[in-house]
Amino acid sequence: MKAPLKLRGLYAITPDDEQTSRLTALVEAALLGGVRLVQYRNKLADPKLRHSQASELLRLCHTHGAHLIINDDLPLALALDADGLHLGRDDGDLRAARAALGPDKILGISCYADLDCAADAAAAGADYLAFGSMYPSATKPEAPPAPLTILGEARRRYDLPIAAIGGIALENAAQTIAAGADLLAVVNDLFGAADIAARASEYQLIFA
C-alpha cells in the first residue's frame, strides 16, 4: 500500500528507455534506495508502450510504498489512476487538469524561471512548483537557466513545495536544498550511477 506522501526528498525522473524490463530494474533500485516519488517520463515511447511501462511502474511503486507521477499525459494518468501528473507550462489547461484529476491526486507544474507562471500554477491548484534548469543539464541542454534565488522566492510567495530540476547532482544537492528546494528532481546522476540504490540513499541523507 502507498504510504502518506510528504513532498520532500529525491524525486526520481525516469530516463528514456524502450526496454521495459531494464527500466523497471532501474526504478526498483531507486526505490530500494529510499525514493518515494517517481515521475514516468519517456519521450521516445509510443502510446502503447507508454501505457505498458507506466502500468508496470505504478504497480512497482505501490509495492514499495511510493507514488508515480505521469509526465505530460493527462489521459494516461487518468486511465491508470496514477498518483499524479506533471505538466509543462504549455502542456494543457492547468485548471482543467486539476478538475479531471480531482483533489487527491498530485499536480506538479514546470515553471522554469518564471514566477508569473508559478503564480498561475498555484492559483490553478498545483501541489508543487518546479524550477530549472538549475545547472547545465544533459537531459535538456537547451533549457534556459534558472537562478538558485528563485527557489526561496517562490517558496516565500506561494507556500508550496518547490522542486529543483536540471543538472542536479550530489555535489550541488545541499546548496540547492539550502536555497529553498524541497524536492530534487534527478535523472542522470541517479540512473547513471553504478549503484543506483546507494546513490539514492546518499541523496536521502542530505535531506535528513
Protein backbone atom coordinates (compact mmCIF):
# COMPACT_ATOMS: atom_id res chain seq x y z
CA MET A 1 0.00 0.00 0.00
CA LYS A 2 1.08 3.59 -0.59
CA ALA A 3 2.36 5.48 2.42
CA PRO A 4 1.27 9.06 3.13
CA LEU A 5 3.38 11.32 0.96
CA LYS A 6 5.41 14.28 2.10
CA LEU A 7 6.61 16.30 -0.87
CA ARG A 8 10.23 16.42 0.19
CA GLY A 9 13.24 14.38 -0.87
CA LEU A 10 14.65 12.84 -4.00
CA TYR A 11 12.28 12.92 -7.00
CA ALA A 12 13.37 10.27 -9.48
CA ILE A 13 12.67 11.11 -13.14
CA THR A 14 12.89 8.10 -15.42
CA PRO A 15 15.26 8.08 -18.39
CA ASP A 16 14.02 7.40 -21.91
CA ASP A 17 14.23 3.61 -22.27
CA GLU A 18 12.24 1.43 -24.62
CA GLN A 19 13.15 -1.78 -22.76
CA THR A 20 10.57 -2.13 -20.02
CA SER A 21 12.47 -4.79 -18.09
CA ARG A 22 15.55 -2.57 -17.90
CA LEU A 23 13.53 0.48 -16.95
CA THR A 24 11.72 -1.33 -14.14
CA ALA A 25 15.04 -2.67 -12.83
CA LEU A 26 16.44 0.86 -12.72
CA VAL A 27 13.39 2.21 -10.90
CA GLU A 28 13.28 -0.67 -8.45
CA ALA A 29 16.90 0.02 -7.50
CA ALA A 30 15.99 3.65 -6.80
CA LEU A 31 13.01 2.55 -4.71
CA LEU A 32 15.25 0.22 -2.71
CA GLY A 33 17.43 3.25 -2.04
CA GLY A 34 14.51 5.09 -0.46
CA VAL A 35 12.91 7.00 -3.34
CA ARG A 36 9.21 7.55 -2.72
CA LEU A 37 8.32 9.81 -5.64
CA VAL A 38 8.91 8.74 -9.25
CA GLN A 39 7.97 10.53 -12.45
CA TYR A 40 7.47 8.43 -15.56
CA ARG A 41 8.88 10.40 -18.47
CA ASN A 42 9.58 8.73 -21.81
CA LYS A 43 9.67 10.95 -24.89
CA LEU A 44 10.67 8.06 -27.20
CA ALA A 45 7.89 5.56 -26.49
CA ASP A 46 4.69 5.28 -28.49
CA PRO A 47 1.35 5.44 -26.63
CA LYS A 48 1.03 1.65 -26.29
CA LEU A 49 4.50 1.30 -24.78
CA ARG A 50 3.96 4.30 -22.53
CA HIS A 51 0.79 2.70 -21.17
CA SER A 52 2.54 -0.62 -20.62
CA GLN A 53 5.60 0.88 -18.94
CA ALA A 54 3.64 3.26 -16.75
CA SER A 55 1.31 0.48 -15.64
CA GLU A 56 4.25 -1.67 -14.59
CA LEU A 57 5.95 1.21 -12.81
CA LEU A 58 2.76 2.10 -10.96
CA ARG A 59 2.49 -1.45 -9.67
CA LEU A 60 6.16 -1.42 -8.67
CA CYS A 61 5.93 1.93 -6.92
CA HIS A 62 2.90 0.89 -4.92
CA THR A 63 4.64 -2.33 -3.89
CA HIS A 64 7.37 -0.16 -2.36
CA GLY A 65 5.02 2.39 -0.81
CA ALA A 66 5.95 5.02 -3.41
CA HIS A 67 3.98 7.28 -5.74
CA LEU A 68 4.09 7.52 -9.54
CA ILE A 69 3.60 10.79 -11.38
CA ILE A 70 2.94 10.79 -15.13
CA ASN A 71 4.74 13.38 -17.25
CA ASP A 72 2.67 15.47 -19.67
CA ASP A 73 -0.08 12.91 -20.34
CA LEU A 74 -3.35 13.53 -18.53
CA PRO A 75 -5.28 10.77 -20.37
CA LEU A 76 -2.65 8.21 -19.35
CA ALA A 77 -2.66 9.39 -15.75
CA LEU A 78 -6.44 9.06 -15.64
CA ALA A 79 -6.51 5.71 -17.42
CA LEU A 80 -4.08 4.17 -14.94
CA ASP A 81 -5.40 6.00 -11.88
CA ALA A 82 -1.82 7.12 -11.32
CA ASP A 83 -0.88 9.14 -8.28
CA GLY A 84 -0.47 12.38 -10.16
CA LEU A 85 0.53 14.37 -13.21
CA HIS A 86 3.35 16.74 -14.08
CA LEU A 87 2.74 19.35 -16.77
CA GLY A 88 4.95 21.81 -18.57
CA ARG A 89 3.83 25.41 -18.83
CA ASP A 90 2.32 24.86 -22.29
CA ASP A 91 1.05 21.30 -21.87
CA GLY A 92 -2.62 21.93 -21.30
CA ASP A 93 -5.10 23.85 -19.21
CA LEU A 94 -3.98 23.61 -15.61
CA ARG A 95 -7.43 24.13 -14.09
CA ALA A 96 -8.93 21.51 -16.39
CA ALA A 97 -6.20 19.08 -15.37
CA ARG A 98 -6.84 19.78 -11.68
CA ALA A 99 -10.56 19.23 -12.17
CA ALA A 100 -10.02 15.99 -14.08
CA LEU A 101 -7.57 14.62 -11.53
CA GLY A 102 -9.66 15.55 -8.54
CA PRO A 103 -8.37 16.95 -5.27
CA ASP A 104 -6.46 13.90 -4.06
CA LYS A 105 -4.00 13.46 -6.92
CA ILE A 106 -0.66 15.26 -7.12
CA LEU A 107 -0.34 18.00 -9.74
CA GLY A 108 3.09 19.46 -10.43
CA ILE A 109 3.89 22.27 -12.84
CA SER A 110 7.13 23.27 -14.56
CA CYS A 111 7.68 26.99 -14.07
CA TYR A 112 11.21 27.20 -15.50
CA ALA A 113 12.46 30.59 -14.24
CA ASP A 114 9.08 32.32 -14.37
CA LEU A 115 7.43 33.45 -11.14
CA ASP A 116 4.34 34.62 -13.05
CA CYS A 117 3.90 31.07 -14.33
CA ALA A 118 4.26 29.90 -10.75
CA ALA A 119 1.51 32.29 -9.66
CA ASP A 120 -0.84 30.86 -12.30
CA ALA A 121 0.06 27.30 -11.30
CA ALA A 122 -0.52 27.99 -7.62
CA ALA A 123 -3.89 29.56 -8.38
CA ALA A 124 -4.85 26.56 -10.52
CA GLY A 125 -4.28 24.16 -7.64
CA ALA A 126 -0.74 22.88 -8.16
CA ASP A 127 0.70 20.75 -5.36
CA TYR A 128 4.30 21.63 -6.17
CA LEU A 129 6.16 24.07 -8.42
CA ALA A 130 9.23 23.01 -10.39
CA PHE A 131 12.01 25.37 -11.42
CA GLY A 132 15.02 24.85 -13.66
CA SER A 133 17.29 24.21 -15.28
CA MET A 134 19.25 24.97 -12.12
CA TYR A 135 22.54 23.79 -13.62
CA PRO A 136 23.67 22.68 -17.12
CA SER A 137 21.61 19.62 -18.00
CA ALA A 138 22.37 16.74 -20.34
CA THR A 139 18.67 15.79 -20.40
CA LYS A 140 17.56 19.26 -21.55
CA PRO A 141 20.68 21.05 -22.80
CA GLU A 142 18.59 23.80 -24.42
CA ALA A 143 16.74 24.67 -21.20
CA PRO A 144 17.28 28.27 -20.05
CA PRO A 145 18.99 28.63 -16.67
CA ALA A 146 17.11 29.48 -13.50
CA PRO A 147 18.87 31.25 -10.61
CA LEU A 148 19.09 29.50 -7.25
CA THR A 149 17.45 32.52 -5.64
CA ILE A 150 14.16 31.75 -7.42
CA LEU A 151 13.66 28.69 -5.21
CA GLY A 152 13.45 30.62 -1.96
CA GLU A 153 11.47 33.44 -3.54
CA ALA A 154 8.85 31.02 -4.91
CA ARG A 155 8.60 29.27 -1.57
CA ARG A 156 8.00 32.56 0.22
CA ARG A 157 5.41 33.77 -2.28
CA TYR A 158 3.34 30.63 -2.76
CA ASP A 159 3.86 28.44 0.31
CA LEU A 160 4.05 25.30 -1.84
CA PRO A 161 6.73 22.61 -2.08
CA ILE A 162 9.42 23.60 -4.57
CA ALA A 163 11.15 21.16 -6.93
CA ALA A 164 14.51 21.92 -8.49
CA ILE A 165 15.41 20.22 -11.77
CA GLY A 166 18.21 20.32 -14.29
CA GLY A 167 21.78 19.24 -13.66
CA ILE A 168 21.15 18.21 -10.06
CA ALA A 169 24.00 16.08 -8.71
CA LEU A 170 25.28 15.08 -5.30
CA GLU A 171 27.88 17.84 -5.34
CA ASN A 172 25.27 20.59 -5.72
CA ALA A 173 22.37 18.96 -3.87
CA ALA A 174 22.99 20.51 -0.46
CA GLN A 175 23.28 24.06 -1.79
CA THR A 176 20.11 23.57 -3.82
CA ILE A 177 18.18 22.45 -0.75
CA ALA A 178 19.63 25.34 1.25
CA ALA A 179 18.40 27.72 -1.45
CA GLY A 180 14.82 26.52 -0.94
CA ALA A 181 14.25 23.23 -2.77
CA ASP A 182 12.00 20.64 -1.13
CA LEU A 183 12.37 18.16 -3.98
CA LEU A 184 15.43 17.38 -6.10
CA ALA A 185 14.34 16.04 -9.48
CA VAL A 186 17.16 13.87 -10.84
CA VAL A 187 17.64 11.74 -13.94
CA ASN A 188 21.26 11.17 -14.92
CA ASP A 189 23.04 11.45 -11.59
CA LEU A 190 20.69 8.82 -10.19
CA PHE A 191 20.04 6.39 -13.01
CA GLY A 192 23.53 6.75 -14.45
CA ALA A 193 25.15 5.71 -11.16
CA ALA A 194 26.95 2.39 -10.89
CA ASP A 195 24.91 1.61 -7.76
CA ILE A 196 21.53 3.32 -8.07
CA ALA A 197 20.24 2.24 -4.66
CA ALA A 198 23.36 3.55 -2.94
CA ARG A 199 23.17 6.84 -4.85
CA ALA A 200 19.51 7.26 -3.86
CA SER A 201 20.43 6.63 -0.24
CA GLU A 202 23.15 9.29 -0.43
CA TYR A 203 20.61 11.84 -1.61
CA GLN A 204 18.19 10.90 1.13
CA LEU A 205 20.87 11.52 3.75
CA ILE A 206 21.25 15.11 2.53
CA PHE A 207 17.61 15.73 3.39
CA ALA A 208 17.91 14.17 6.86
